[in-house]
Amino acid sequence: MKKRLFLTLMLMMSLVLAACSLDSPGSESEGSGSDEGGSEGAGTIGFSISTLNNPFFVTLAEGAEAQAEEAGMEITVVDAQDDPAKQASDIEDLIQQGVDIILVNPTDSAAVATAIESANNADIPVITVDRSAEGGEVVTHIASDNVEGGRLAGNFIIEELGGSGNVVELEGISGSSAARERGEGFNEVIGESDIEIVANQTANFDRAEGLSVMENIIQSGAEFDAVFAHNDEMALGAVEALEAAGMSDVMVVGFDATNDAVAAVEEGTMAATVAQKPNEIGISAIDTAQAVLNGETVEEFVPVELELVTQ
């Protein structure tokens, strides 16, 4: 009797386990469908950035990372360290990783073309950010209008100097679209005034180089009333050199509106800086990347608003 009862219980347990086993695939399938729906619009992004040794690009990268996280997208940020060869290698690595889309902030607008072409050949869409590329197929370019930013800086200096005087121009990395375009806008408006550019030298968007180049210009005996630097790092280096030489009355205008530069404007050690809003550029880059991956049509150029920051 006991044996028969035991066998009956064992049979009932087997039937229960079998029923559970049959239910499991249905439940798992339902769960998978839910996950699939949750990942709609998501994707993997590779972001090759020119340098993370510059506060502007750190803020840009942080804006992109935060927006990607909010959108449920995976993002890999790689630092080219201002080296075109490293940037090309980094982009090749991103291609090999099989990312869905690549964002590029070029170190050199011409040199990056070959790497972009490699992404084109791998059918990976490319978006340029802040600086444009001179080759390869790019879906869209996201940036402030650097030419207009140069004009803003130039017009401010013209107004402050009353339309005449001497100015020094500290240029960014040769070959970068940002340096070329900011210089273009600045020289355009300065050329329409009686202000003379008495020196223009590159300091590669770097604060230490901005300091040393400014020291050399001061030692050359050049007389000038203002300095326009293509970015805030060079402007802050120039301020340091001018203060050390007892020339703190020389007006300095930068570009980017980094935290250090805005603080310098508030303190009066810098006269102005052109605000380019790197965080918003990073956010816009991710939003646009998501639109591209969703098959939406985007504009060839997505502008981010500029403004002049003064006291």
C-alpha atoms as a PDB file:
ATOM      1  CA  MET A   1       0.000   0.000   0.000  1.00  0.00           C
ATOM      2  CA  LYS A   2       2.780   2.343   1.036  1.00  0.00           C
ATOM      3  CA  LYS A   3       4.726   1.456  -2.094  1.00  0.00           C
ATOM      4  CA  ARG A   4       1.715   2.182  -4.319  1.00  0.00           C
ATOM      5  CA  LEU A   5       1.184   5.553  -2.542  1.00  0.00           C
ATOM      6  CA  PHE A   6       4.847   6.433  -3.062  1.00  0.00           C
ATOM      7  CA  LEU A   7       4.660   5.622  -6.770  1.00  0.00           C
ATOM      8  CA  THR A   8       1.473   7.693  -7.130  1.00  0.00           C
ATOM      9  CA  LEU A   9       3.148  10.699  -5.475  1.00  0.00           C
ATOM     10  CA  MET A  10       6.202  10.340  -7.736  1.00  0.00           C
ATOM     11  CA  LEU A  11       3.950  10.248 -10.823  1.00  0.00           C
ATOM     12  CA  MET A  12       2.109  13.403  -9.731  1.00  0.00           C
ATOM     13  CA  MET A  13       5.421  15.256  -9.163  1.00  0.00           C
ATOM     14  CA  SER A  14       6.622  14.232 -12.631  1.00  0.00           C
ATOM     15  CA  LEU A  15       3.445  15.613 -14.199  1.00  0.00           C
ATOM     16  CA  VAL A  16       3.850  18.926 -12.333  1.00  0.00           C
ATOM     17  CA  LEU A  17       7.498  19.244 -13.445  1.00  0.00           C
ATOM     18  CA  ALA A  18       6.529  18.478 -17.042  1.00  0.00           C
ATOM     19  CA  ALA A  19       3.841  21.184 -16.966  1.00  0.00           C
ATOM     20  CA  CYS A  20       6.364  23.713 -15.626  1.00  0.00           C
ATOM     21  CA  SER A  21       8.815  22.714 -18.320  1.00  0.00           C
ATOM     22  CA  LEU A  22       6.186  23.318 -21.021  1.00  0.00           C
ATOM     23  CA  ASP A  23       5.332  26.762 -19.599  1.00  0.00           C
ATOM     24  CA  SER A  24       8.967  27.927 -19.440  1.00  0.00           C
ATOM     25  CA  PRO A  25       9.605  28.438 -23.171  1.00  0.00           C
ATOM     26  CA  GLY A  26       6.446  30.544 -23.470  1.00  0.00           C
ATOM     27  CA  SER A  27       7.507  32.719 -20.525  1.00  0.00           C
ATOM     28  CA  GLU A  28      11.058  33.068 -21.853  1.00  0.00           C
ATOM     29  CA  SER A  29       9.761  34.051 -25.269  1.00  0.00           C
ATOM     30  CA  GLU A  30       7.553  36.716 -23.741  1.00  0.00           C
ATOM     31  CA  GLY A  31      10.512  38.090 -21.786  1.00  0.00           C
ATOM     32  CA  SER A  32      12.685  38.223 -24.901  1.00  0.00           C
ATOM     33  CA  GLY A  33       9.980  40.096 -26.776  1.00  0.00           C
ATOM     34  CA  SER A  34       9.843  42.653 -23.972  1.00  0.00           C
ATOM     35  CA  ASP A  35      13.634  43.153 -24.009  1.00  0.00           C
ATOM     36  CA  GLU A  36      13.598  43.485 -27.771  1.00  0.00           C
ATOM     37  CA  GLY A  37      11.002  46.224 -27.581  1.00  0.00           C
ATOM     38  CA  GLY A  38      13.038  48.025 -24.881  1.00  0.00           C
ATOM     39  CA  SER A  39      16.172  48.156 -27.060  1.00  0.00           C
ATOM     40  CA  GLU A  40      14.430  49.775 -30.030  1.00  0.00           C
ATOM     41  CA  GLY A  41      16.508  52.674 -31.309  1.00  0.00           C
ATOM     42  CA  ALA A  42      19.555  51.621 -29.279  1.00  0.00           C
ATOM     43  CA  GLY A  43      22.944  50.992 -30.841  1.00  0.00           C
ATOM     44  CA  THR A  44      26.686  51.104 -30.319  1.00  0.00           C
ATOM     45  CA  ILE A  45      28.604  54.315 -30.906  1.00  0.00           C
ATOM     46  CA  GLY A  46      32.331  54.784 -31.355  1.00  0.00           C
ATOM     47  CA  PHE A  47      33.541  58.340 -30.636  1.00  0.00           C
ATOM     48  CA  SER A  48      37.073  59.297 -31.714  1.00  0.00           C
ATOM     49  CA  ILE A  49      37.894  62.615 -30.065  1.00  0.00           C
ATOM     50  CA  SER A  50      40.928  64.765 -30.881  1.00  0.00           C
ATOM     51  CA  THR A  51      42.161  65.148 -27.296  1.00  0.00           C
ATOM     52  CA  LEU A  52      40.959  64.749 -23.724  1.00  0.00           C
ATOM     53  CA  ASN A  53      43.742  67.054 -22.538  1.00  0.00           C
ATOM     54  CA  ASN A  54      41.534  70.075 -23.253  1.00  0.00           C
ATOM     55  CA  PRO A  55      38.575  71.040 -20.991  1.00  0.00           C
ATOM     56  CA  PHE A  56      36.399  71.853 -24.010  1.00  0.00           C
ATOM     57  CA  PHE A  57      36.644  68.327 -25.423  1.00  0.00           C
ATOM     58  CA  VAL A  58      36.292  66.743 -21.981  1.00  0.00           C
ATOM     59  CA  THR A  59      32.954  68.556 -21.587  1.00  0.00           C
ATOM     60  CA  LEU A  60      31.946  67.566 -25.135  1.00  0.00           C
ATOM     61  CA  ALA A  61      32.707  63.891 -24.423  1.00  0.00           C
ATOM     62  CA  GLU A  62      30.881  63.989 -21.093  1.00  0.00           C
ATOM     63  CA  GLY A  63      27.800  65.494 -22.759  1.00  0.00           C
ATOM     64  CA  ALA A  64      27.830  62.721 -25.357  1.00  0.00           C
ATOM     65  CA  GLU A  65      28.320  59.955 -22.770  1.00  0.00           C
ATOM     66  CA  ALA A  66      25.494  61.215 -20.545  1.00  0.00           C
ATOM     67  CA  GLN A  67      23.085  61.511 -23.489  1.00  0.00           C
ATOM     68  CA  ALA A  68      24.035  58.050 -24.795  1.00  0.00           C
ATOM     69  CA  GLU A  69      23.375  56.523 -21.368  1.00  0.00           C
ATOM     70  CA  GLU A  70      19.989  58.240 -21.207  1.00  0.00           C
ATOM     71  CA  ALA A  71      19.144  56.917 -24.676  1.00  0.00           C
ATOM     72  CA  GLY A  72      20.186  53.376 -23.736  1.00  0.00           C
ATOM     73  CA  MET A  73      23.055  53.399 -26.248  1.00  0.00           C
ATOM     74  CA  GLU A  74      26.546  52.026 -25.701  1.00  0.00           C
ATOM     75  CA  ILE A  75      29.366  54.497 -26.388  1.00  0.00           C
ATOM     76  CA  THR A  76      33.131  53.996 -26.563  1.00  0.00           C
ATOM     77  CA  VAL A  77      35.195  57.203 -26.420  1.00  0.00           C
ATOM     78  CA  VAL A  78      38.803  57.010 -27.627  1.00  0.00           C
ATOM     79  CA  ASP A  79      41.382  59.778 -27.199  1.00  0.00           C
ATOM     80  CA  ALA A  80      43.545  60.557 -30.256  1.00  0.00           C
ATOM     81  CA  GLN A  81      45.864  62.699 -28.104  1.00  0.00           C
ATOM     82  CA  ASP A  82      46.124  65.246 -30.932  1.00  0.00           C
ATOM     83  CA  ASP A  83      47.920  62.631 -33.059  1.00  0.00           C
ATOM     84  CA  PRO A  84      46.431  62.047 -36.569  1.00  0.00           C
ATOM     85  CA  ALA A  85      48.126  58.622 -36.836  1.00  0.00           C
ATOM     86  CA  LYS A  86      46.672  57.486 -33.492  1.00  0.00           C
ATOM     87  CA  GLN A  87      43.255  58.756 -34.533  1.00  0.00           C
ATOM     88  CA  ALA A  88      43.387  56.717 -37.740  1.00  0.00           C
ATOM     89  CA  SER A  89      44.367  53.628 -35.727  1.00  0.00           C
ATOM     90  CA  ASP A  90      41.611  54.276 -33.169  1.00  0.00           C
ATOM     91  CA  ILE A  91      38.974  54.513 -35.907  1.00  0.00           C
ATOM     92  CA  GLU A  92      40.211  51.250 -37.472  1.00  0.00           C
ATOM     93  CA  ASP A  93      39.836  49.611 -34.036  1.00  0.00           C
ATOM     94  CA  LEU A  94      36.266  50.897 -33.741  1.00  0.00           C
ATOM     95  CA  ILE A  95      35.519  49.473 -37.194  1.00  0.00           C
ATOM     96  CA  GLN A  96      36.909  46.081 -36.138  1.00  0.00           C
ATOM     97  CA  GLN A  97      34.763  46.197 -32.985  1.00  0.00           C
ATOM     98  CA  GLY A  98      31.721  46.472 -35.263  1.00  0.00           C
ATOM     99  CA  VAL A  99      30.183  49.637 -33.825  1.00  0.00           C
ATOM    100  CA  ASP A 100      26.962  50.776 -35.496  1.00  0.00           C
ATOM    101  CA  ILE A 101      28.025  54.404 -36.052  1.00  0.00           C
ATOM    102  CA  ILE A 102      31.195  56.476 -35.621  1.00  0.00           C
ATOM    103  CA  LEU A 103      31.475  60.048 -34.363  1.00  0.00           C
ATOM    104  CA  VAL A 104      34.740  61.795 -35.279  1.00  0.00           C
ATOM    105  CA  ASN A 105      36.198  64.984 -33.889  1.00  0.00           C
ATOM    106  CA  PRO A 106      39.201  65.264 -36.244  1.00  0.00           C
ATOM    107  CA  THR A 107      42.683  66.147 -35.083  1.00  0.00           C
ATOM    108  CA  ASP A 108      43.544  66.964 -38.703  1.00  0.00           C
ATOM    109  CA  SER A 109      40.686  67.507 -41.156  1.00  0.00           C
ATOM    110  CA  ALA A 110      42.642  66.219 -44.166  1.00  0.00           C
ATOM    111  CA  ALA A 111      44.473  63.318 -42.497  1.00  0.00           C
ATOM    112  CA  VAL A 112      41.272  61.792 -41.079  1.00  0.00           C
ATOM    113  CA  ALA A 113      39.779  61.263 -44.570  1.00  0.00           C
ATOM    114  CA  THR A 114      41.383  57.827 -45.119  1.00  0.00           C
ATOM    115  CA  ALA A 115      39.997  56.484 -41.831  1.00  0.00           C
ATOM    116  CA  ILE A 116      36.533  57.787 -42.683  1.00  0.00           C
ATOM    117  CA  GLU A 117      36.770  56.034 -46.062  1.00  0.00           C
ATOM    118  CA  SER A 118      37.560  52.791 -44.213  1.00  0.00           C
ATOM    119  CA  ALA A 119      34.361  53.215 -42.208  1.00  0.00           C
ATOM    120  CA  ASN A 120      32.478  53.917 -45.460  1.00  0.00           C
ATOM    121  CA  ASN A 121      33.809  50.652 -46.905  1.00  0.00           C
ATOM    122  CA  ALA A 122      32.578  48.830 -43.802  1.00  0.00           C
ATOM    123  CA  ASP A 123      29.111  50.404 -44.239  1.00  0.00           C
ATOM    124  CA  ILE A 124      29.407  52.243 -40.914  1.00  0.00           C
ATOM    125  CA  PRO A 125      27.908  55.762 -41.034  1.00  0.00           C
ATOM    126  CA  VAL A 126      30.167  58.617 -39.886  1.00  0.00           C
ATOM    127  CA  ILE A 127      29.287  61.940 -38.260  1.00  0.00           C
ATOM    128  CA  THR A 128      31.885  64.684 -37.763  1.00  0.00           C
ATOM    129  CA  VAL A 129      31.719  66.709 -34.560  1.00  0.00           C
ATOM    130  CA  ASP A 130      33.022  70.267 -33.962  1.00  0.00           C
ATOM    131  CA  ARG A 131      35.672  69.924 -36.696  1.00  0.00           C
ATOM    132  CA  SER A 132      34.877  68.839 -40.236  1.00  0.00           C
ATOM    133  CA  ALA A 133      36.680  66.362 -42.523  1.00  0.00           C
ATOM    134  CA  GLU A 134      38.082  67.069 -45.982  1.00  0.00           C
ATOM    135  CA  GLY A 135      37.384  63.622 -47.395  1.00  0.00           C
ATOM    136  CA  GLY A 136      35.318  60.487 -47.000  1.00  0.00           C
ATOM    137  CA  GLU A 137      31.527  60.293 -46.876  1.00  0.00           C
ATOM    138  CA  VAL A 138      30.014  61.976 -43.829  1.00  0.00           C
ATOM    139  CA  VAL A 139      26.294  61.810 -43.012  1.00  0.00           C
ATOM    140  CA  THR A 140      26.255  65.158 -41.219  1.00  0.00           C
ATOM    141  CA  HIS A 141      28.486  67.673 -39.439  1.00  0.00           C
ATOM    142  CA  ILE A 142      27.584  68.952 -35.962  1.00  0.00           C
ATOM    143  CA  ALA A 143      29.278  72.145 -34.812  1.00  0.00           C
ATOM    144  CA  SER A 144      28.980  75.788 -34.049  1.00  0.00           C
ATOM    145  CA  ASP A 145      29.562  78.157 -36.977  1.00  0.00           C
ATOM    146  CA  ASN A 146      33.267  78.774 -36.456  1.00  0.00           C
ATOM    147  CA  VAL A 147      33.441  81.440 -39.148  1.00  0.00           C
ATOM    148  CA  GLU A 148      30.682  83.394 -37.414  1.00  0.00           C
ATOM    149  CA  GLY A 149      32.486  82.902 -34.094  1.00  0.00           C
ATOM    150  CA  GLY A 150      35.616  84.456 -35.575  1.00  0.00           C
ATOM    151  CA  ARG A 151      33.522  87.393 -36.770  1.00  0.00           C
ATOM    152  CA  LEU A 152      32.031  87.839 -33.286  1.00  0.00           C
ATOM    153  CA  ALA A 153      35.510  88.022 -31.759  1.00  0.00           C
ATOM    154  CA  GLY A 154      36.781  90.391 -34.456  1.00  0.00           C
ATOM    155  CA  ASN A 155      33.826  92.755 -34.198  1.00  0.00           C
ATOM    156  CA  PHE A 156      34.175  92.883 -30.414  1.00  0.00           C
ATOM    157  CA  ILE A 157      37.856  93.850 -30.704  1.00  0.00           C
ATOM    158  CA  ILE A 158      37.071  96.463 -33.370  1.00  0.00           C
ATOM    159  CA  GLU A 159      34.432  98.021 -31.132  1.00  0.00           C
ATOM    160  CA  GLU A 160      36.638  97.989 -28.028  1.00  0.00           C
ATOM    161  CA  LEU A 161      39.631  99.517 -29.877  1.00  0.00           C
ATOM    162  CA  GLY A 162      37.524 102.087 -31.680  1.00  0.00           C
ATOM    163  CA  GLY A 163      38.337 100.666 -35.098  1.00  0.00           C
ATOM    164  CA  SER A 164      42.134 101.100 -35.032  1.00  0.00           C
ATOM    165  CA  GLY A 165      45.176  99.577 -33.342  1.00  0.00           C
ATOM    166  CA  ASN A 166      47.303  96.430 -33.467  1.00  0.00           C
ATOM    167  CA  VAL A 167      46.301  92.858 -32.716  1.00  0.00           C
ATOM    168  CA  VAL A 168      48.038  89.473 -32.367  1.00  0.00           C
ATOM    169  CA  GLU A 169      46.338  86.294 -33.607  1.00  0.00           C
ATOM    170  CA  LEU A 170      47.197  82.960 -31.946  1.00  0.00           C
ATOM    171  CA  GLU A 171      46.159  80.215 -34.350  1.00  0.00           C
ATOM    172  CA  GLY A 172      45.031  76.661 -33.628  1.00  0.00           C
ATOM    173  CA  ILE A 173      46.358  73.411 -35.061  1.00  0.00           C
ATOM    174  CA  SER A 174      47.310  73.866 -38.701  1.00  0.00           C
ATOM    175  CA  GLY A 175      45.079  71.693 -40.861  1.00  0.00           C
ATOM    176  CA  SER A 176      42.141  71.707 -38.444  1.00  0.00           C
ATOM    177  CA  SER A 177      38.879  73.129 -39.758  1.00  0.00           C
ATOM    178  CA  ALA A 178      38.304  75.021 -36.496  1.00  0.00           C
ATOM    179  CA  ALA A 179      41.561  76.981 -36.852  1.00  0.00           C
ATOM    180  CA  ARG A 180      40.945  77.698 -40.525  1.00  0.00           C
ATOM    181  CA  GLU A 181      37.332  78.808 -40.071  1.00  0.00           C
ATOM    182  CA  ARG A 182      37.836  80.902 -36.934  1.00  0.00           C
ATOM    183  CA  GLY A 183      40.762  82.629 -38.587  1.00  0.00           C
ATOM    184  CA  GLU A 184      38.698  83.204 -41.728  1.00  0.00           C
ATOM    185  CA  GLY A 185      35.877  84.968 -39.877  1.00  0.00           C
ATOM    186  CA  PHE A 186      38.253  87.004 -37.726  1.00  0.00           C
ATOM    187  CA  ASN A 187      40.443  88.172 -40.623  1.00  0.00           C
ATOM    188  CA  GLU A 188      37.378  88.994 -42.710  1.00  0.00           C
ATOM    189  CA  VAL A 189      36.076  91.631 -40.287  1.00  0.00           C
ATOM    190  CA  ILE A 190      39.489  92.886 -39.127  1.00  0.00           C
ATOM    191  CA  GLY A 191      40.368  93.485 -42.802  1.00  0.00           C
ATOM    192  CA  GLU A 192      37.456  95.908 -43.033  1.00  0.00           C
ATOM    193  CA  SER A 193      38.832  98.048 -40.177  1.00  0.00           C
ATOM    194  CA  ASP A 194      42.004 100.051 -39.584  1.00  0.00           C
ATOM    195  CA  ILE A 195      43.310  97.425 -37.178  1.00  0.00           C
ATOM    196  CA  GLU A 196      46.542  95.694 -38.204  1.00  0.00           C
ATOM    197  CA  ILE A 197      47.423  92.074 -37.379  1.00  0.00           C
ATOM    198  CA  VAL A 198      51.090  92.477 -36.358  1.00  0.00           C
ATOM    199  CA  ALA A 199      51.726  88.785 -35.622  1.00  0.00           C
ATOM    200  CA  ASN A 200      49.910  85.522 -36.224  1.00  0.00           C
ATOM    201  CA  GLN A 201      51.483  82.278 -35.039  1.00  0.00           C
ATOM    202  CA  THR A 202      50.183  78.834 -34.220  1.00  0.00           C
ATOM    203  CA  ALA A 203      50.115  77.612 -30.623  1.00  0.00           C
ATOM    204  CA  ASN A 204      48.266  74.372 -31.451  1.00  0.00           C
ATOM    205  CA  PHE A 205      45.256  75.004 -29.183  1.00  0.00           C
ATOM    206  CA  ASP A 206      47.569  74.394 -26.192  1.00  0.00           C
ATOM    207  CA  ARG A 207      47.907  76.566 -23.058  1.00  0.00           C
ATOM    208  CA  ALA A 208      51.632  75.971 -22.543  1.00  0.00           C
ATOM    209  CA  GLU A 209      52.322  76.770 -26.196  1.00  0.00           C
ATOM    210  CA  GLY A 210      50.103  79.847 -25.951  1.00  0.00           C
ATOM    211  CA  LEU A 211      52.313  81.027 -23.093  1.00  0.00           C
ATOM    212  CA  SER A 212      55.614  80.390 -24.888  1.00  0.00           C
ATOM    213  CA  VAL A 213      54.476  81.816 -28.253  1.00  0.00           C
ATOM    214  CA  MET A 214      53.152  84.934 -26.507  1.00  0.00           C
ATOM    215  CA  GLU A 215      56.464  85.327 -24.662  1.00  0.00           C
ATOM    216  CA  ASN A 216      58.332  85.171 -27.971  1.00  0.00           C
ATOM    217  CA  ILE A 217      56.059  87.795 -29.544  1.00  0.00           C
ATOM    218  CA  ILE A 218      56.520  90.096 -26.542  1.00  0.00           C
ATOM    219  CA  GLN A 219      60.314  89.655 -26.708  1.00  0.00           C
ATOM    220  CA  SER A 220      60.279  90.494 -30.422  1.00  0.00           C
ATOM    221  CA  GLY A 221      59.297  94.042 -29.479  1.00  0.00           C
ATOM    222  CA  ALA A 222      55.961  93.975 -31.324  1.00  0.00           C
ATOM    223  CA  GLU A 223      53.482  96.564 -30.095  1.00  0.00           C
ATOM    224  CA  PHE A 224      49.845  95.483 -29.848  1.00  0.00           C
ATOM    225  CA  ASP A 225      46.609  96.336 -28.077  1.00  0.00           C
ATOM    226  CA  ALA A 226      44.735  93.044 -28.248  1.00  0.00           C
ATOM    227  CA  VAL A 227      45.115  89.290 -28.699  1.00  0.00           C
ATOM    228  CA  PHE A 228      42.648  86.945 -30.365  1.00  0.00           C
ATOM    229  CA  ALA A 229      43.296  83.262 -29.641  1.00  0.00           C
ATOM    230  CA  HIS A 230      41.497  80.533 -31.576  1.00  0.00           C
ATOM    231  CA  ASN A 231      40.692  78.803 -28.283  1.00  0.00           C
ATOM    232  CA  ASP A 232      40.610  79.560 -24.570  1.00  0.00           C
ATOM    233  CA  GLU A 233      43.592  77.399 -23.659  1.00  0.00           C
ATOM    234  CA  MET A 234      45.912  79.541 -25.827  1.00  0.00           C
ATOM    235  CA  ALA A 235      44.190  82.698 -24.558  1.00  0.00           C
ATOM    236  CA  LEU A 236      44.832  81.727 -20.935  1.00  0.00           C
ATOM    237  CA  GLY A 237      48.488  80.996 -21.756  1.00  0.00           C
ATOM    238  CA  ALA A 238      48.723  84.421 -23.391  1.00  0.00           C
ATOM    239  CA  VAL A 239      47.211  86.089 -20.297  1.00  0.00           C
ATOM    240  CA  GLU A 240      49.890  84.479 -18.140  1.00  0.00           C
ATOM    241  CA  ALA A 241      52.692  85.742 -20.403  1.00  0.00           C
ATOM    242  CA  LEU A 242      51.218  89.247 -20.603  1.00  0.00           C
ATOM    243  CA  GLU A 243      50.809  89.512 -16.826  1.00  0.00           C
ATOM    244  CA  ALA A 244      54.406  88.369 -16.298  1.00  0.00           C
ATOM    245  CA  ALA A 245      55.580  91.076 -18.734  1.00  0.00           C
ATOM    246  CA  GLY A 246      53.524  93.790 -17.019  1.00  0.00           C
ATOM    247  CA  MET A 247      51.170  94.071 -20.018  1.00  0.00           C
ATOM    248  CA  SER A 248      47.885  93.180 -18.353  1.00  0.00           C
ATOM    249  CA  ASP A 249      46.227  96.151 -20.091  1.00  0.00           C
ATOM    250  CA  VAL A 250      46.334  94.212 -23.411  1.00  0.00           C
ATOM    251  CA  MET A 251      42.862  92.866 -24.234  1.00  0.00           C
ATOM    252  CA  VAL A 252      42.609  89.073 -24.705  1.00  0.00           C
ATOM    253  CA  VAL A 253      39.694  87.350 -26.449  1.00  0.00           C
ATOM    254  CA  GLY A 254      39.362  83.567 -26.582  1.00  0.00           C
ATOM    255  CA  PHE A 255      37.015  80.973 -28.024  1.00  0.00           C
ATOM    256  CA  ASP A 256      35.088  78.072 -26.390  1.00  0.00           C
ATOM    257  CA  ALA A 257      33.906  79.541 -23.052  1.00  0.00           C
ATOM    258  CA  THR A 258      35.573  76.885 -20.908  1.00  0.00           C
ATOM    259  CA  ASN A 259      35.053  77.236 -17.149  1.00  0.00           C
ATOM    260  CA  ASP A 260      38.545  78.705 -16.659  1.00  0.00           C
ATOM    261  CA  ALA A 261      37.994  81.251 -19.430  1.00  0.00           C
ATOM    262  CA  VAL A 262      34.574  82.353 -18.161  1.00  0.00           C
ATOM    263  CA  ALA A 263      36.113  82.798 -14.694  1.00  0.00           C
ATOM    264  CA  ALA A 264      38.929  84.875 -16.268  1.00  0.00           C
ATOM    265  CA  VAL A 265      36.344  87.065 -18.036  1.00  0.00           C
ATOM    266  CA  GLU A 266      34.493  87.583 -14.745  1.00  0.00           C
ATOM    267  CA  GLU A 267      37.781  88.518 -13.047  1.00  0.00           C
ATOM    268  CA  GLY A 268      38.695  90.877 -15.881  1.00  0.00           C
ATOM    269  CA  THR A 269      41.907  89.108 -16.942  1.00  0.00           C
ATOM    270  CA  MET A 270      40.228  88.156 -20.236  1.00  0.00           C
ATOM    271  CA  ALA A 271      37.963  90.558 -22.102  1.00  0.00           C
ATOM    272  CA  ALA A 272      35.702  88.001 -23.784  1.00  0.00           C
ATOM    273  CA  THR A 273      35.293  84.460 -25.073  1.00  0.00           C
ATOM    274  CA  VAL A 274      33.047  83.016 -27.758  1.00  0.00           C
ATOM    275  CA  ALA A 275      30.754  80.436 -26.138  1.00  0.00           C
ATOM    276  CA  GLN A 276      30.541  77.290 -28.220  1.00  0.00           C
ATOM    277  CA  LYS A 277      28.597  75.121 -25.712  1.00  0.00           C
ATOM    278  CA  PRO A 278      30.484  71.797 -25.944  1.00  0.00           C
ATOM    279  CA  ASN A 279      27.965  69.955 -23.769  1.00  0.00           C
ATOM    280  CA  GLU A 280      25.180  70.803 -26.228  1.00  0.00           C
ATOM    281  CA  ILE A 281      27.357  69.691 -29.156  1.00  0.00           C
ATOM    282  CA  GLY A 282      27.857  66.316 -27.447  1.00  0.00           C
ATOM    283  CA  ILE A 283      24.126  65.938 -26.767  1.00  0.00           C
ATOM    284  CA  SER A 284      23.250  66.895 -30.350  1.00  0.00           C
ATOM    285  CA  ALA A 285      25.798  64.368 -31.680  1.00  0.00           C
ATOM    286  CA  ILE A 286      24.090  61.503 -29.843  1.00  0.00           C
ATOM    287  CA  ASP A 287      20.565  62.618 -30.782  1.00  0.00           C
ATOM    288  CA  THR A 288      21.626  62.819 -34.428  1.00  0.00           C
ATOM    289  CA  ALA A 289      23.384  59.438 -34.296  1.00  0.00           C
ATOM    290  CA  GLN A 290      20.211  57.877 -32.908  1.00  0.00           C
ATOM    291  CA  ALA A 291      18.162  59.462 -35.712  1.00  0.00           C
ATOM    292  CA  VAL A 292      20.571  58.091 -38.341  1.00  0.00           C
ATOM    293  CA  LEU A 293      20.422  54.580 -36.855  1.00  0.00           C
ATOM    294  CA  ASN A 294      16.608  54.803 -36.868  1.00  0.00           C
ATOM    295  CA  GLY A 295      16.718  55.501 -40.605  1.00  0.00           C
ATOM    296  CA  GLU A 296      15.678  59.134 -40.332  1.00  0.00           C
ATOM    297  CA  THR A 297      16.941  61.796 -42.755  1.00  0.00           C
ATOM    298  CA  VAL A 298      19.168  64.431 -41.128  1.00  0.00           C
ATOM    299  CA  GLU A 299      20.494  67.774 -42.366  1.00  0.00           C
ATOM    300  CA  GLU A 300      24.040  67.955 -43.788  1.00  0.00           C
ATOM    301  CA  PHE A 301      24.940  70.501 -41.096  1.00  0.00           C
ATOM    302  CA  VAL A 302      23.454  70.645 -37.600  1.00  0.00           C
ATOM    303  CA  PRO A 303      24.392  74.000 -36.026  1.00  0.00           C
ATOM    304  CA  VAL A 304      24.790  74.725 -32.310  1.00  0.00           C
ATOM    305  CA  GLU A 305      24.207  78.317 -31.244  1.00  0.00           C
ATOM    306  CA  LEU A 306      27.090  80.687 -30.396  1.00  0.00           C
ATOM    307  CA  GLU A 307      27.221  83.665 -28.064  1.00  0.00           C
ATOM    308  CA  LEU A 308      29.862  86.153 -26.903  1.00  0.00           C
ATOM    309  CA  VAL A 309      30.629  86.077 -23.161  1.00  0.00           C
ATOM    310  CA  THR A 310      31.789  89.405 -21.708  1.00  0.00           C
ATOM    311  CA  GLN A 311      31.632  91.096 -18.315  1.00  0.00           C
END
